Protein backbone atom coordinates (compact mmCIF):
# COMPACT_ATOMS: atom_id res chain seq x y z
CA UNK A 1 23.22 152.10 -101.26
CA UNK A 2 26.52 153.63 -102.28
CA UNK A 3 29.89 152.56 -100.80
CA UNK A 4 30.05 155.57 -98.48
CA UNK A 5 26.73 154.59 -96.90
CA UNK A 6 27.70 150.91 -96.78
CA UNK A 7 30.96 151.65 -94.99
CA UNK A 8 29.21 154.02 -92.54
CA UNK A 9 26.99 151.08 -91.46
CA UNK A 10 29.91 148.66 -91.45
CA UNK A 11 28.92 146.97 -94.66
CA UNK A 12 27.86 143.87 -92.74
CA UNK A 13 31.47 142.99 -91.95
CA UNK A 14 32.14 142.15 -88.31
CA UNK A 15 34.88 144.21 -86.71
CA UNK A 16 37.10 141.42 -85.50
CA UNK A 17 40.01 141.19 -83.02
CA UNK A 18 39.21 144.45 -81.29
CA UNK A 19 41.31 145.51 -78.34
CA UNK A 20 40.71 148.21 -75.81
CA UNK A 21 41.53 149.32 -72.29
CA UNK A 22 39.87 147.88 -69.22
CA UNK A 23 36.97 150.25 -68.50
CA UNK A 24 36.41 149.25 -64.84
CA UNK A 25 38.85 147.37 -62.62
CA UNK A 26 37.71 144.49 -60.45
CA UNK A 27 37.18 145.71 -56.88
CA UNK A 28 36.08 149.19 -57.94
CA UNK A 29 32.63 150.75 -58.09
CA UNK A 30 30.88 153.01 -60.52
CA UNK A 31 28.45 155.47 -59.03
CA UNK A 32 24.78 154.46 -59.31
CA UNK A 33 21.86 156.36 -57.75
CA UNK A 34 20.52 153.50 -55.62
CA UNK A 35 20.50 155.13 -52.22
CA UNK A 36 23.45 153.17 -50.77
CA UNK A 37 26.75 154.68 -49.87
CA UNK A 38 30.06 153.81 -51.52
CA UNK A 39 31.49 151.86 -48.55
CA UNK A 40 28.31 149.81 -48.13
CA UNK A 41 28.23 148.90 -51.80
CA UNK A 42 31.96 148.13 -51.89
CA UNK A 43 31.70 145.81 -48.88
CA UNK A 44 28.60 144.09 -50.32
CA UNK A 45 30.34 143.54 -53.66
CA UNK A 46 33.36 142.03 -51.95
CA UNK A 47 31.27 139.59 -49.91
CA UNK A 48 28.95 138.75 -52.81
CA UNK A 49 31.91 138.05 -55.09
CA UNK A 50 33.31 135.58 -52.52
CA UNK A 51 29.96 133.78 -52.39
CA UNK A 52 29.76 134.03 -56.18
CA UNK A 53 33.19 132.39 -56.64
CA UNK A 54 32.31 129.56 -54.29
CA UNK A 55 28.91 129.05 -55.93
CA UNK A 56 30.53 128.85 -59.38
CA UNK A 57 32.80 126.12 -58.05
CA UNK A 58 29.84 124.36 -56.43
CA UNK A 59 27.98 124.47 -59.78
CA UNK A 60 31.01 122.94 -61.50
CA UNK A 61 31.30 120.23 -58.86
CA UNK A 62 27.62 119.36 -59.32
CA UNK A 63 28.12 118.98 -63.06
CA UNK A 64 31.32 116.92 -62.63
CA UNK A 65 29.68 114.63 -60.15
CA UNK A 66 26.53 114.43 -62.28
CA UNK A 67 28.63 113.09 -65.12
CA UNK A 68 30.57 110.67 -62.85
CA UNK A 69 27.76 109.00 -60.89
CA UNK A 70 27.99 105.23 -60.54
CA UNK A 71 26.09 102.30 -59.11
CA UNK A 72 22.55 101.30 -58.24
CA UNK A 73 21.37 104.85 -57.55
CA UNK A 74 23.03 106.24 -60.69
CA UNK A 75 19.77 107.37 -62.38
CA UNK A 76 18.22 109.19 -59.42
CA UNK A 77 21.49 110.85 -58.39
CA UNK A 78 22.36 111.74 -61.97
CA UNK A 79 19.03 113.59 -62.34
CA UNK A 80 19.12 115.15 -58.87
CA UNK A 81 22.63 116.51 -59.25
CA UNK A 82 21.71 118.02 -62.60
CA UNK A 83 18.65 119.72 -61.00
CA UNK A 84 20.82 121.01 -58.17
CA UNK A 85 23.38 122.30 -60.67
CA UNK A 86 20.66 124.21 -62.54
CA UNK A 87 19.53 125.85 -59.34
CA UNK A 88 23.11 126.82 -58.50
CA UNK A 89 23.61 128.26 -61.95
CA UNK A 90 20.55 130.47 -61.43
CA UNK A 91 22.08 131.63 -58.14
CA UNK A 92 25.36 132.42 -59.91
CA UNK A 93 23.47 134.69 -62.28
CA UNK A 94 21.54 136.38 -59.46
CA UNK A 95 24.71 137.03 -57.46
CA UNK A 96 26.58 138.40 -60.50
CA UNK A 97 23.71 140.68 -61.46
CA UNK A 98 23.46 141.96 -57.88
CA UNK A 99 27.19 142.86 -57.87
CA UNK A 100 26.69 144.69 -61.16
CA UNK A 101 23.59 146.48 -59.88
CA UNK A 102 25.64 147.77 -56.97
CA UNK A 103 28.18 149.21 -59.42
CA UNK A 104 30.78 146.54 -58.97
CA UNK A 105 32.35 143.98 -61.25
CA UNK A 106 31.23 140.37 -60.85
CA UNK A 107 33.91 137.66 -60.81
CA UNK A 108 33.41 135.67 -63.96
CA UNK A 109 36.67 134.32 -65.37
CA UNK A 110 37.21 130.74 -64.15
CA UNK A 111 40.88 131.46 -63.42
CA UNK A 112 39.88 134.40 -61.23
CA UNK A 113 37.18 132.35 -59.56
CA UNK A 114 39.81 129.72 -58.69
CA UNK A 115 41.88 132.43 -56.95
CA UNK A 116 38.96 133.59 -54.81
CA UNK A 117 37.18 130.38 -53.88
CA UNK A 118 37.43 128.75 -50.43
CA UNK A 119 36.12 125.40 -51.80
CA UNK A 120 38.96 122.86 -51.98
CA UNK A 121 39.86 121.52 -55.36
CA UNK A 122 38.83 117.88 -55.90
CA UNK A 123 41.04 115.32 -57.63
CA UNK A 124 40.84 115.36 -61.39
CA UNK A 125 39.57 111.79 -61.53
CA UNK A 126 36.61 109.84 -60.19
CA UNK A 127 35.99 109.38 -56.47
CA UNK A 128 33.60 106.93 -54.83
CA UNK A 129 29.99 108.17 -54.90
CA UNK A 130 29.75 108.78 -51.14
CA UNK A 131 32.94 110.84 -51.29
CA UNK A 132 31.57 112.94 -54.19
CA UNK A 133 28.37 113.58 -52.23
CA UNK A 134 30.41 114.45 -49.10
CA UNK A 135 32.48 116.90 -51.18
CA UNK A 136 29.25 118.63 -52.28
CA UNK A 137 28.04 118.80 -48.69
CA UNK A 138 31.34 120.33 -47.61
CA UNK A 139 31.11 123.01 -50.33
CA UNK A 140 27.55 123.81 -49.39
CA UNK A 141 28.50 124.20 -45.69
CA UNK A 142 31.35 126.57 -46.54
CA UNK A 143 28.99 128.65 -48.69
CA UNK A 144 26.21 128.61 -46.05
CA UNK A 145 28.55 129.76 -43.24
CA UNK A 146 29.93 132.54 -45.42
CA UNK A 147 26.49 133.59 -46.72
CA UNK A 148 25.01 133.76 -43.22
CA UNK A 149 27.90 135.94 -42.03
CA UNK A 150 27.72 138.13 -45.16
CA UNK A 151 23.93 138.48 -44.85
CA UNK A 152 24.18 139.63 -41.21
CA UNK A 153 26.99 142.12 -41.86
CA UNK A 154 25.47 143.47 -45.08
CA UNK A 155 22.09 143.88 -43.31
CA UNK A 156 23.85 145.93 -40.60
CA UNK A 157 25.10 148.18 -43.40
CA UNK A 158 21.55 148.75 -44.63
CA UNK A 159 21.68 146.77 -47.90
CA UNK A 160 18.45 144.82 -47.70
CA UNK A 161 18.58 143.81 -51.36
CA UNK A 162 21.84 141.89 -51.00
CA UNK A 163 20.72 140.41 -47.67
CA UNK A 164 17.47 139.20 -49.25
CA UNK A 165 19.38 137.56 -52.10
CA UNK A 166 21.71 135.77 -49.73
CA UNK A 167 18.92 134.54 -47.48
CA UNK A 168 16.19 133.76 -50.00
CA UNK A 169 18.33 132.21 -52.73
CA UNK A 170 21.75 131.16 -51.47
CA UNK A 171 20.84 129.99 -47.97
CA UNK A 172 17.38 128.53 -48.56
CA UNK A 173 18.35 126.71 -51.71
CA UNK A 174 21.58 125.47 -50.16
CA UNK A 175 19.84 124.15 -47.08
CA UNK A 176 17.30 122.23 -49.16
CA UNK A 177 20.03 120.75 -51.38
CA UNK A 178 22.05 119.70 -48.31
CA UNK A 179 19.02 117.85 -46.98
CA UNK A 180 18.55 115.94 -50.24
CA UNK A 181 22.30 115.10 -50.53
CA UNK A 182 22.66 114.07 -46.87
CA UNK A 183 19.74 111.65 -47.10
CA UNK A 184 21.62 109.73 -49.80
CA UNK A 185 24.37 109.05 -47.28
CA UNK A 186 22.13 107.31 -44.76
CA UNK A 187 23.08 103.63 -44.56
CA UNK A 188 19.82 101.75 -44.97
CA UNK A 189 19.24 98.23 -46.28
CA UNK A 190 17.48 98.15 -49.66
CA UNK A 191 15.55 94.88 -49.36
CA UNK A 192 15.35 93.78 -45.71
CA UNK A 193 14.59 95.63 -42.46
């Protein structure tokens, strides 16, 4: 291969430190032939991005609390919180891909997520285990309330795909995870009835 051919194919050298213009601004849509109008898709993207931001924070809370578990139930909670985190990460991906499939831009930068989320920021340090579990329950409830409202309003706009995602993944998974978390806050004696 001569040098002209090698340079035409890049010569194996990565093209580093590239810069370029933003090709689609957050909050805008590109046209896709999916049978939904612009306003319906725009509204769905806005609502899905709010749920997406909150779900990314919930995922991060699960991982933080997974690392910080303490006490007699450490092992079971450590494993459960990691399983819940994995399920929330899958939901993050589904929500982001749905926004993209509607022609929108999914919120992905953690700094942008922090601007959009309704989930309160926890302290940087360690809290008591029941407080960490309560914090997760609060985040779930905020997401479930918003997801139910979004699902109903998006369904009224005729976007069954986004409605199905919110109901079948966000709401159903969230409700099951709330059940498991809440049961760990029941005060029961361990060795005597």
